[in-house]
PDB file of N, CA and C in Angstrom:
ATOM      1  N   MET A   1     115.062 -23.612 123.937  1.00  0.00           N
ATOM      2  CA  MET A   1     115.325 -23.018 122.497  1.00  0.00           C
ATOM      3  C   MET A   1     116.077 -21.682 122.631  1.00  0.00           C
ATOM      4  N   TRP A   2     116.626 -21.369 121.817  1.00  0.00           N
ATOM      5  CA  TRP A   2     117.469 -20.122 121.750  1.00  0.00           C
ATOM      6  C   TRP A   2     116.688 -19.185 121.090  1.00  0.00           C
ATOM      7  N   VAL A   3     116.523 -18.021 121.417  1.00  0.00           N
ATOM      8  CA  VAL A   3     115.645 -16.772 120.984  1.00  0.00           C
ATOM      9  C   VAL A   3     116.552 -15.640 120.916  1.00  0.00           C
ATOM     10  N   LYS A   4     116.386 -15.012 120.010  1.00  0.00           N
ATOM     11  CA  LYS A   4     117.199 -13.513 119.752  1.00  0.00           C
ATOM     12  C   LYS A   4     116.239 -12.795 119.785  1.00  0.00           C
ATOM     13  N   GLY A   5     116.409 -11.645 120.968  1.00  0.00           N
ATOM     14  CA  GLY A   5     115.372 -10.612 121.156  1.00  0.00           C
ATOM     15  C   GLY A   5     115.953  -9.178 120.759  1.00  0.00           C
ATOM     16  N   ASP A   6     115.136  -8.217 120.604  1.00  0.00           N
ATOM     17  CA  ASP A   6     115.443  -6.944 120.231  1.00  0.00           C
ATOM     18  C   ASP A   6     115.302  -5.891 121.087  1.00  0.00           C
ATOM     19  N   GLY A   7     114.621  -6.388 122.309  1.00  0.00           N
ATOM     20  CA  GLY A   7     114.446  -5.582 123.385  1.00  0.00           C
ATOM     21  C   GLY A   7     113.454  -4.589 123.156  1.00  0.00           C
ATOM     22  N   LYS A   8     112.390  -4.784 122.242  1.00  0.00           N
ATOM     23  CA  LYS A   8     111.209  -3.767 122.128  1.00  0.00           C
ATOM     24  C   LYS A   8     110.047  -4.417 122.662  1.00  0.00           C
ATOM     25  N   GLY A   9     109.989  -5.609 123.440  1.00  0.00           N
ATOM     26  CA  GLY A   9     108.912  -6.051 124.203  1.00  0.00           C
ATOM     27  C   GLY A   9     107.892  -6.913 123.506  1.00  0.00           C
ATOM     28  N   ALA A  10     108.173  -7.305 122.107  1.00  0.00           N
ATOM     29  CA  ALA A  10     107.214  -8.218 121.432  1.00  0.00           C
ATOM     30  C   ALA A  10     106.986  -9.411 122.304  1.00  0.00           C
ATOM     31  N   LEU A  11     106.069 -10.065 121.925  1.00  0.00           N
ATOM     32  CA  LEU A  11     105.542 -11.584 122.559  1.00  0.00           C
ATOM     33  C   LEU A  11     105.599 -12.482 121.310  1.00  0.00           C
ATOM     34  N   LEU A  12     106.529 -13.438 121.776  1.00  0.00           N
ATOM     35  CA  LEU A  12     106.855 -14.692 120.766  1.00  0.00           C
ATOM     36  C   LEU A  12     105.967 -15.678 121.363  1.00  0.00           C
ATOM     37  N   ASN A  13     105.203 -16.407 120.692  1.00  0.00           N
ATOM     38  CA  ASN A  13     104.138 -17.484 120.896  1.00  0.00           C
ATOM     39  C   ASN A  13     104.703 -18.671 120.168  1.00  0.00           C
ATOM     40  N   LEU A  14     105.195 -19.583 121.076  1.00  0.00           N
ATOM     41  CA  LEU A  14     105.660 -20.928 120.354  1.00  0.00           C
ATOM     42  C   LEU A  14     104.490 -21.888 120.537  1.00  0.00           C
ATOM     43  N   GLN A  15     103.558 -22.410 119.616  1.00  0.00           N
ATOM     44  CA  GLN A  15     102.470 -23.136 119.694  1.00  0.00           C
ATOM     45  C   GLN A  15     102.887 -24.523 119.142  1.00  0.00           C
ATOM     46  N   LEU A  16     102.633 -25.618 119.962  1.00  0.00           N
ATOM     47  CA  LEU A  16     102.677 -26.896 119.720  1.00  0.00           C
ATOM     48  C   LEU A  16     101.276 -27.440 119.323  1.00  0.00           C
ATOM     49  N   GLY A  17     101.106 -28.268 118.564  1.00  0.00           N
ATOM     50  CA  GLY A  17      99.649 -28.946 118.384  1.00  0.00           C
ATOM     51  C   GLY A  17      99.818 -30.445 117.944  1.00  0.00           C
ATOM     52  N   THR A  18      98.636 -31.036 118.215  1.00  0.00           N
ATOM     53  CA  THR A  18      98.438 -32.403 117.990  1.00  0.00           C
ATOM     54  C   THR A  18      97.349 -32.737 117.091  1.00  0.00           C
ATOM     55  N   PRO A  19      97.499 -33.790 116.223  1.00  0.00           N
ATOM     56  CA  PRO A  19      96.311 -34.026 115.231  1.00  0.00           C
ATOM     57  C   PRO A  19      95.115 -34.201 115.799  1.00  0.00           C
ATOM     58  N   ARG A  20      93.943 -34.241 115.015  1.00  0.00           N
ATOM     59  CA  ARG A  20      92.491 -34.698 115.518  1.00  0.00           C
ATOM     60  C   ARG A  20      92.364 -35.871 116.182  1.00  0.00           C
ATOM     61  N   GLU A  21      93.183 -36.789 115.664  1.00  0.00           N
ATOM     62  CA  GLU A  21      93.293 -38.251 116.186  1.00  0.00           C
ATOM     63  C   GLU A  21      93.604 -38.368 117.684  1.00  0.00           C
ATOM     64  N   TYR A  22      94.307 -37.334 118.060  1.00  0.00           N
ATOM     65  CA  TYR A  22      95.005 -37.078 119.512  1.00  0.00           C
ATOM     66  C   TYR A  22      94.329 -35.797 120.139  1.00  0.00           C
ATOM     67  N   MET A  23      93.042 -35.665 120.001  1.00  0.00           N
ATOM     68  CA  MET A  23      92.223 -34.724 120.497  1.00  0.00           C
ATOM     69  C   MET A  23      92.493 -32.984 120.192  1.00  0.00           C
ATOM     70  N   SER A  24      93.193 -32.979 119.045  1.00  0.00           N
ATOM     71  CA  SER A  24      93.415 -31.421 118.384  1.00  0.00           C
ATOM     72  C   SER A  24      93.687 -30.469 119.454  1.00  0.00           C
ATOM     73  N   THR A  25      94.821 -30.742 120.355  1.00  0.00           N
ATOM     74  CA  THR A  25      95.389 -30.034 121.448  1.00  0.00           C
ATOM     75  C   THR A  25      96.206 -28.830 120.885  1.00  0.00           C
ATOM     76  N   LEU A  26      96.163 -27.747 121.065  1.00  0.00           N
ATOM     77  CA  LEU A  26      96.958 -26.580 121.143  1.00  0.00           C
ATOM     78  C   LEU A  26      97.757 -26.279 122.501  1.00  0.00           C
ATOM     79  N   SER A  27      99.027 -25.970 122.308  1.00  0.00           N
ATOM     80  CA  SER A  27      99.735 -25.562 123.604  1.00  0.00           C
ATOM     81  C   SER A  27     100.567 -24.277 123.415  1.00  0.00           C
ATOM     82  N   ASP A  28     100.134 -23.368 124.093  1.00  0.00           N
ATOM     83  CA  ASP A  28     100.812 -21.848 123.612  1.00  0.00           C
ATOM     84  C   ASP A  28     102.038 -21.597 124.749  1.00  0.00           C
ATOM     85  N   HIS A  29     103.073 -21.238 124.516  1.00  0.00           N
ATOM     86  CA  HIS A  29     104.178 -20.950 125.211  1.00  0.00           C
ATOM     87  C   HIS A  29     104.636 -19.740 124.939  1.00  0.00           C
ATOM     88  N   TYR A  30     104.703 -18.535 125.827  1.00  0.00           N
ATOM     89  CA  TYR A  30     104.955 -17.107 125.452  1.00  0.00           C
ATOM     90  C   TYR A  30     106.564 -16.707 125.983  1.00  0.00           C
ATOM     91  N   VAL A  31     107.163 -16.017 125.032  1.00  0.00           N
ATOM     92  CA  VAL A  31     108.324 -15.379 125.488  1.00  0.00           C
ATOM     93  C   VAL A  31     108.470 -13.862 125.424  1.00  0.00           C
ATOM     94  N   THR A  32     108.494 -13.202 126.378  1.00  0.00           N
ATOM     95  CA  THR A  32     108.534 -11.525 126.186  1.00  0.00           C
ATOM     96  C   THR A  32     109.892 -11.331 125.586  1.00  0.00           C
ATOM     97  N   LEU A  33     110.086 -10.805 124.430  1.00  0.00           N
ATOM     98  CA  LEU A  33     111.134 -10.347 123.885  1.00  0.00           C
ATOM     99  C   LEU A  33     111.972  -9.007 124.415  1.00  0.00           C
ATOM    100  N   ASP A  34     111.892  -8.662 125.724  1.00  0.00           N
ATOM    101  CA  ASP A  34     112.476  -7.460 126.389  1.00  0.00           C
ATOM    102  C   ASP A  34     113.939  -7.424 126.548  1.00  0.00           C
ATOM    103  N   PHE A  35     114.643  -8.453 125.894  1.00  0.00           N
ATOM    104  CA  PHE A  35     116.113  -8.336 126.221  1.00  0.00           C
ATOM    105  C   PHE A  35     116.538  -8.333 124.670  1.00  0.00           C
ATOM    106  N   THR A  36     117.730  -8.034 124.651  1.00  0.00           N
ATOM    107  CA  THR A  36     118.644  -7.898 123.402  1.00  0.00           C
ATOM    108  C   THR A  36     119.826  -8.899 123.326  1.00  0.00           C
ATOM    109  N   GLY A  37     120.013  -9.574 122.049  1.00  0.00           N
ATOM    110  CA  GLY A  37     120.799 -10.586 122.067  1.00  0.00           C
ATOM    111  C   GLY A  37     120.321 -11.927 122.073  1.00  0.00           C
ATOM    112  N   TRP A  38     121.036 -13.169 122.001  1.00  0.00           N
ATOM    113  CA  TRP A  38     120.598 -14.264 122.219  1.00  0.00           C
ATOM    114  C   TRP A  38     120.233 -14.781 123.573  1.00  0.00           C
ATOM    115  N   ARG A  39     119.501 -15.388 123.956  1.00  0.00           N
ATOM    116  CA  ARG A  39     118.866 -16.098 125.285  1.00  0.00           C
ATOM    117  C   ARG A  39     118.388 -17.460 125.160  1.00  0.00           C
ATOM    118  N   TYR A  40     118.817 -18.272 126.070  1.00  0.00           N
ATOM    119  CA  TYR A  40     118.230 -19.699 126.041  1.00  0.00           C
ATOM    120  C   TYR A  40     117.235 -19.798 126.912  1.00  0.00           C
ATOM    121  N   VAL A  41     115.873 -19.935 126.525  1.00  0.00           N
ATOM    122  CA  VAL A  41     114.830 -20.204 127.343  1.00  0.00           C
ATOM    123  C   VAL A  41     114.162 -21.750 127.262  1.00  0.00           C
ATOM    124  N   GLU A  42     113.680 -22.114 128.486  1.00  0.00           N
ATOM    125  CA  GLU A  42     113.052 -23.624 128.725  1.00  0.00           C
ATOM    126  C   GLU A  42     111.776 -23.202 128.669  1.00  0.00           C
ATOM    127  N   LEU A  43     111.059 -24.151 127.760  1.00  0.00           N
ATOM    128  CA  LEU A  43     109.647 -24.110 127.957  1.00  0.00           C
ATOM    129  C   LEU A  43     108.965 -25.373 128.960  1.00  0.00           C
ATOM    130  N   LEU A  44     108.042 -25.024 129.694  1.00  0.00           N
ATOM    131  CA  LEU A  44     107.698 -26.235 130.470  1.00  0.00           C
ATOM    132  C   LEU A  44     106.282 -26.766 129.780  1.00  0.00           C
ATOM    133  N   MET A  45     106.642 -28.000 129.153  1.00  0.00           N
ATOM    134  CA  MET A  45     105.710 -28.506 128.385  1.00  0.00           C
ATOM    135  C   MET A  45     104.346 -28.880 129.203  1.00  0.00           C
ATOM    136  N   ARG A  46     104.234 -29.082 130.596  1.00  0.00           N
ATOM    137  CA  ARG A  46     103.285 -29.398 131.185  1.00  0.00           C
ATOM    138  C   ARG A  46     102.394 -28.148 131.549  1.00  0.00           C
ATOM    139  N   GLU A  47     102.884 -27.055 131.450  1.00  0.00           N
ATOM    140  CA  GLU A  47     102.399 -25.620 131.824  1.00  0.00           C
ATOM    141  C   GLU A  47     102.091 -24.868 130.387  1.00  0.00           C
ATOM    142  N   ARG A  48     100.904 -24.356 130.377  1.00  0.00           N
ATOM    143  CA  ARG A  48     100.605 -23.496 129.256  1.00  0.00           C
ATOM    144  C   ARG A  48     100.277 -22.365 129.538  1.00  0.00           C
ATOM    145  N   ASP A  49     100.383 -21.300 128.740  1.00  0.00           N
ATOM    146  CA  ASP A  49     100.103 -19.841 128.800  1.00  0.00           C
ATOM    147  C   ASP A  49      98.648 -19.431 128.695  1.00  0.00           C
ATOM    148  N   VAL A  50      97.772 -20.224 129.077  1.00  0.00           N
ATOM    149  CA  VAL A  50      96.232 -19.974 128.721  1.00  0.00           C
ATOM    150  C   VAL A  50      95.912 -18.777 129.337  1.00  0.00           C
ATOM    151  N   GLY A  51      96.321 -18.416 130.619  1.00  0.00           N
ATOM    152  CA  GLY A  51      95.810 -17.338 131.426  1.00  0.00           C
ATOM    153  C   GLY A  51      96.142 -15.942 130.603  1.00  0.00           C
ATOM    154  N   GLU A  52      97.028 -15.782 129.795  1.00  0.00           N
ATOM    155  CA  GLU A  52      97.499 -14.653 129.038  1.00  0.00           C
ATOM    156  C   GLU A  52      96.887 -14.561 127.956  1.00  0.00           C
ATOM    157  N   MET A  53      96.176 -15.751 127.367  1.00  0.00           N
ATOM    158  CA  MET A  53      95.835 -15.863 125.806  1.00  0.00           C
ATOM    159  C   MET A  53      94.861 -14.890 125.553  1.00  0.00           C
ATOM    160  N   SER A  54      93.871 -14.631 126.416  1.00  0.00           N
ATOM    161  CA  SER A  54      92.801 -13.730 126.030  1.00  0.00           C
ATOM    162  C   SER A  54      93.441 -12.223 125.962  1.00  0.00           C
ATOM    163  N   ASN A  55      94.449 -11.945 126.345  1.00  0.00           N
ATOM    164  CA  ASN A  55      95.034 -10.577 126.518  1.00  0.00           C
ATOM    165  C   ASN A  55      95.294 -10.229 124.885  1.00  0.00           C
ATOM    166  N   TYR A  56      95.599 -11.222 124.121  1.00  0.00           N
ATOM    167  CA  TYR A  56      96.023 -10.975 122.523  1.00  0.00           C
ATOM    168  C   TYR A  56      94.869 -11.265 121.659  1.00  0.00           C
ATOM    169  N   GLU A  57      95.049 -10.885 120.536  1.00  0.00           N
ATOM    170  CA  GLU A  57      94.425 -11.594 119.419  1.00  0.00           C
ATOM    171  C   GLU A  57      95.156 -12.471 118.775  1.00  0.00           C
ATOM    172  N   TRP A  58      95.013 -13.772 118.335  1.00  0.00           N
ATOM    173  CA  TRP A  58      95.637 -14.573 117.795  1.00  0.00           C
ATOM    174  C   TRP A  58      94.899 -15.203 116.399  1.00  0.00           C
ATOM    175  N   PRO A  59      95.567 -15.554 115.260  1.00  0.00           N
ATOM    176  CA  PRO A  59      95.028 -15.864 114.092  1.00  0.00           C
ATOM    177  C   PRO A  59      94.434 -17.347 113.989  1.00  0.00           C
ATOM    178  N   TYR A  60      93.963 -17.949 115.229  1.00  0.00           N
ATOM    179  CA  TYR A  60      93.477 -19.217 115.282  1.00  0.00           C
ATOM    180  C   TYR A  60      92.210 -19.081 116.272  1.00  0.00           C
ATOM    181  N   GLY A  61      91.258 -20.130 115.823  1.00  0.00           N
ATOM    182  CA  GLY A  61      90.115 -19.993 116.697  1.00  0.00           C
ATOM    183  C   GLY A  61      89.803 -21.339 117.522  1.00  0.00           C
ATOM    184  N   ASP A  62      90.655 -22.137 117.717  1.00  0.00           N
ATOM    185  CA  ASP A  62      90.399 -23.473 118.532  1.00  0.00           C
ATOM    186  C   ASP A  62      90.729 -23.305 119.922  1.00  0.00           C
ATOM    187  N   TYR A  63      90.048 -22.435 120.699  1.00  0.00           N
ATOM    188  CA  TYR A  63      90.306 -22.229 121.952  1.00  0.00           C
ATOM    189  C   TYR A  63      90.046 -23.244 122.877  1.00  0.00           C
ATOM    190  N   TYR A  64      89.022 -24.093 122.594  1.00  0.00           N
ATOM    191  CA  TYR A  64      88.744 -25.375 123.328  1.00  0.00           C
ATOM    192  C   TYR A  64      89.997 -26.221 123.318  1.00  0.00           C
ATOM    193  N   GLY A  65      90.836 -26.259 122.220  1.00  0.00           N
ATOM    194  CA  GLY A  65      91.781 -27.214 122.245  1.00  0.00           C
ATOM    195  C   GLY A  65      93.053 -26.846 123.094  1.00  0.00           C
ATOM    196  N   ILE A  66      92.855 -25.473 123.565  1.00  0.00           N
ATOM    197  CA  ILE A  66      93.977 -25.026 124.567  1.00  0.00           C
ATOM    198  C   ILE A  66      93.704 -25.251 125.906  1.00  0.00           C
ATOM    199  N   TYR A  67      92.463 -25.139 126.259  1.00  0.00           N
ATOM    200  CA  TYR A  67      92.114 -25.362 127.670  1.00  0.00           C
ATOM    201  C   TYR A  67      91.826 -26.848 127.991  1.00  0.00           C
ATOM    202  N   ARG A  68      91.464 -27.864 127.009  1.00  0.00           N
ATOM    203  CA  ARG A  68      90.597 -28.866 127.427  1.00  0.00           C
ATOM    204  C   ARG A  68      91.740 -30.173 127.575  1.00  0.00           C
ATOM    205  N   THR A  69      92.566 -30.211 126.579  1.00  0.00           N
ATOM    206  CA  THR A  69      93.374 -31.620 126.643  1.00  0.00           C
ATOM    207  C   THR A  69      94.745 -31.569 126.991  1.00  0.00           C
ATOM    208  N   PRO A  70      95.510 -32.378 127.686  1.00  0.00           N
ATOM    209  CA  PRO A  70      96.931 -32.123 127.922  1.00  0.00           C
ATOM    210  C   PRO A  70      97.654 -32.438 126.325  1.00  0.00           C
ATOM    211  N   LEU A  71      98.873 -31.722 126.389  1.00  0.00           N
ATOM    212  CA  LEU A  71      99.408 -32.018 125.135  1.00  0.00           C
ATOM    213  C   LEU A  71     100.262 -33.416 125.035  1.00  0.00           C
ATOM    214  N   ASP A  72     100.019 -34.219 123.956  1.00  0.00           N
ATOM    215  CA  ASP A  72     100.654 -35.485 123.892  1.00  0.00           C
ATOM    216  C   ASP A  72     101.868 -35.291 123.043  1.00  0.00           C
ATOM    217  N   MET A  73     103.072 -35.247 123.915  1.00  0.00           N
ATOM    218  CA  MET A  73     104.395 -34.942 123.148  1.00  0.00           C
ATOM    219  C   MET A  73     104.870 -36.184 122.254  1.00  0.00           C
ATOM    220  N   ALA A  74     104.288 -37.302 122.261  1.00  0.00           N
ATOM    221  CA  ALA A  74     104.439 -38.412 121.353  1.00  0.00           C
ATOM    222  C   ALA A  74     103.936 -38.026 119.918  1.00  0.00           C
ATOM    223  N   HIS A  75     103.013 -37.162 119.920  1.00  0.00           N
ATOM    224  CA  HIS A  75     102.190 -36.979 118.697  1.00  0.00           C
ATOM    225  C   HIS A  75     102.121 -35.689 118.148  1.00  0.00           C
ATOM    226  N   ILE A  76     103.243 -34.894 118.316  1.00  0.00           N
ATOM    227  CA  ILE A  76     103.229 -33.525 118.026  1.00  0.00           C
ATOM    228  C   ILE A  76     103.171 -33.459 116.343  1.00  0.00           C
ATOM    229  N   SER A  77     102.223 -32.567 115.814  1.00  0.00           N
ATOM    230  CA  SER A  77     102.059 -32.537 114.333  1.00  0.00           C
ATOM    231  C   SER A  77     102.191 -31.249 113.809  1.00  0.00           C
ATOM    232  N   GLU A  78     102.525 -30.321 114.547  1.00  0.00           N
ATOM    233  CA  GLU A  78     102.760 -28.918 114.018  1.00  0.00           C
ATOM    234  C   GLU A  78     103.265 -28.103 115.163  1.00  0.00           C
ATOM    235  N   ILE A  79     104.212 -27.062 114.710  1.00  0.00           N
ATOM    236  CA  ILE A  79     104.838 -26.024 115.419  1.00  0.00           C
ATOM    237  C   ILE A  79     104.840 -24.711 114.850  1.00  0.00           C
ATOM    238  N   ASN A  80     103.798 -23.937 115.511  1.00  0.00           N
ATOM    239  CA  ASN A  80     103.848 -22.518 115.059  1.00  0.00           C
ATOM    240  C   ASN A  80     104.425 -21.565 115.727  1.00  0.00           C
ATOM    241  N   LEU A  81     104.820 -20.421 114.995  1.00  0.00           N
ATOM    242  CA  LEU A  81     105.457 -19.453 115.813  1.00  0.00           C
ATOM    243  C   LEU A  81     104.683 -18.075 115.562  1.00  0.00           C
ATOM    244  N   TYR A  82     104.023 -17.380 116.411  1.00  0.00           N
ATOM    245  CA  TYR A  82     103.487 -16.272 116.058  1.00  0.00           C
ATOM    246  C   TYR A  82     104.200 -14.949 116.939  1.00  0.00           C
ATOM    247  N   LEU A  83     103.860 -13.761 116.538  1.00  0.00           N
ATOM    248  CA  LEU A  83     104.333 -12.648 117.030  1.00  0.00           C
ATOM    249  C   LEU A  83     103.248 -11.723 117.493  1.00  0.00           C
ATOM    250  N   ASN A  84     103.291 -11.234 118.586  1.00  0.00           N
ATOM    251  CA  ASN A  84     102.034 -10.071 119.141  1.00  0.00           C
ATOM    252  C   ASN A  84     102.713  -9.215 119.757  1.00  0.00           C
ATOM    253  N   HIS A  85     101.910  -8.243 120.173  1.00  0.00           N
ATOM    254  CA  HIS A  85     102.295  -6.827 120.926  1.00  0.00           C
ATOM    255  C   HIS A  85     103.378  -6.251 120.272  1.00  0.00           C
ATOM    256  N   LEU A  86     103.661  -6.105 119.083  1.00  0.00           N
ATOM    257  CA  LEU A  86     104.782  -5.526 118.165  1.00  0.00           C
ATOM    258  C   LEU A  86     104.578  -3.917 118.469  1.00  0.00           C
ATOM    259  N   PRO A  87     105.706  -3.319 118.909  1.00  0.00           N
ATOM    260  CA  PRO A  87     105.705  -1.923 119.061  1.00  0.00           C
ATOM    261  C   PRO A  87     105.312  -1.372 117.877  1.00  0.00           C
ATOM    262  N   PRO A  88     104.337  -0.111 117.805  1.00  0.00           N
ATOM    263  CA  PRO A  88     104.095   0.767 116.553  1.00  0.00           C
ATOM    264  C   PRO A  88     105.194   1.159 115.960  1.00  0.00           C
ATOM    265  N   GLY A  89     105.079   0.850 114.467  1.00  0.00           N
ATOM    266  CA  GLY A  89     106.333   1.541 113.663  1.00  0.00           C
ATOM    267  C   GLY A  89     107.358   0.412 113.453  1.00  0.00           C
ATOM    268  N   THR A  90     107.206  -0.956 113.973  1.00  0.00           N
ATOM    269  CA  THR A  90     108.206  -1.696 113.795  1.00  0.00           C
ATOM    270  C   THR A  90     108.399  -2.316 112.549  1.00  0.00           C
ATOM    271  N   ALA A  91     109.728  -2.444 111.757  1.00  0.00           N
ATOM    272  CA  ALA A  91     109.756  -2.930 110.500  1.00  0.00           C
ATOM    273  C   ALA A  91     109.960  -4.537 110.584  1.00  0.00           C
ATOM    274  N   ARG A  92     109.373  -5.219 109.693  1.00  0.00           N
ATOM    275  CA  ARG A  92     109.842  -6.707 109.665  1.00  0.00           C
ATOM    276  C   ARG A  92     111.125  -7.153 109.211  1.00  0.00           C
ATOM    277  N   LYS A  93     111.949  -7.827 109.445  1.00  0.00           N
ATOM    278  CA  LYS A  93     113.359  -8.418 108.967  1.00  0.00           C
ATOM    279  C   LYS A  93     113.117  -9.475 108.284  1.00  0.00           C
TER     280      LYS A  93
END
């Protein structure tokens, strides 16, 4: 995917999810926005960033769905974008 960074070091979390019928899996993929301009990043769908998940606070609570079940790419039901680790005083655009 193409991502535009501002060089301030925020963390972008692209989260994919499957519905309850497919084990309610969540798959977090992090991109540190420590660059400026557009950059193409490839996300490895077989690998998740669960090791870093506890370093941040996220607005969801299904932690079991992140650790437990592999992501079924044929049944993606949601794509969520979250930003974390925003520098103090950063204005939203």
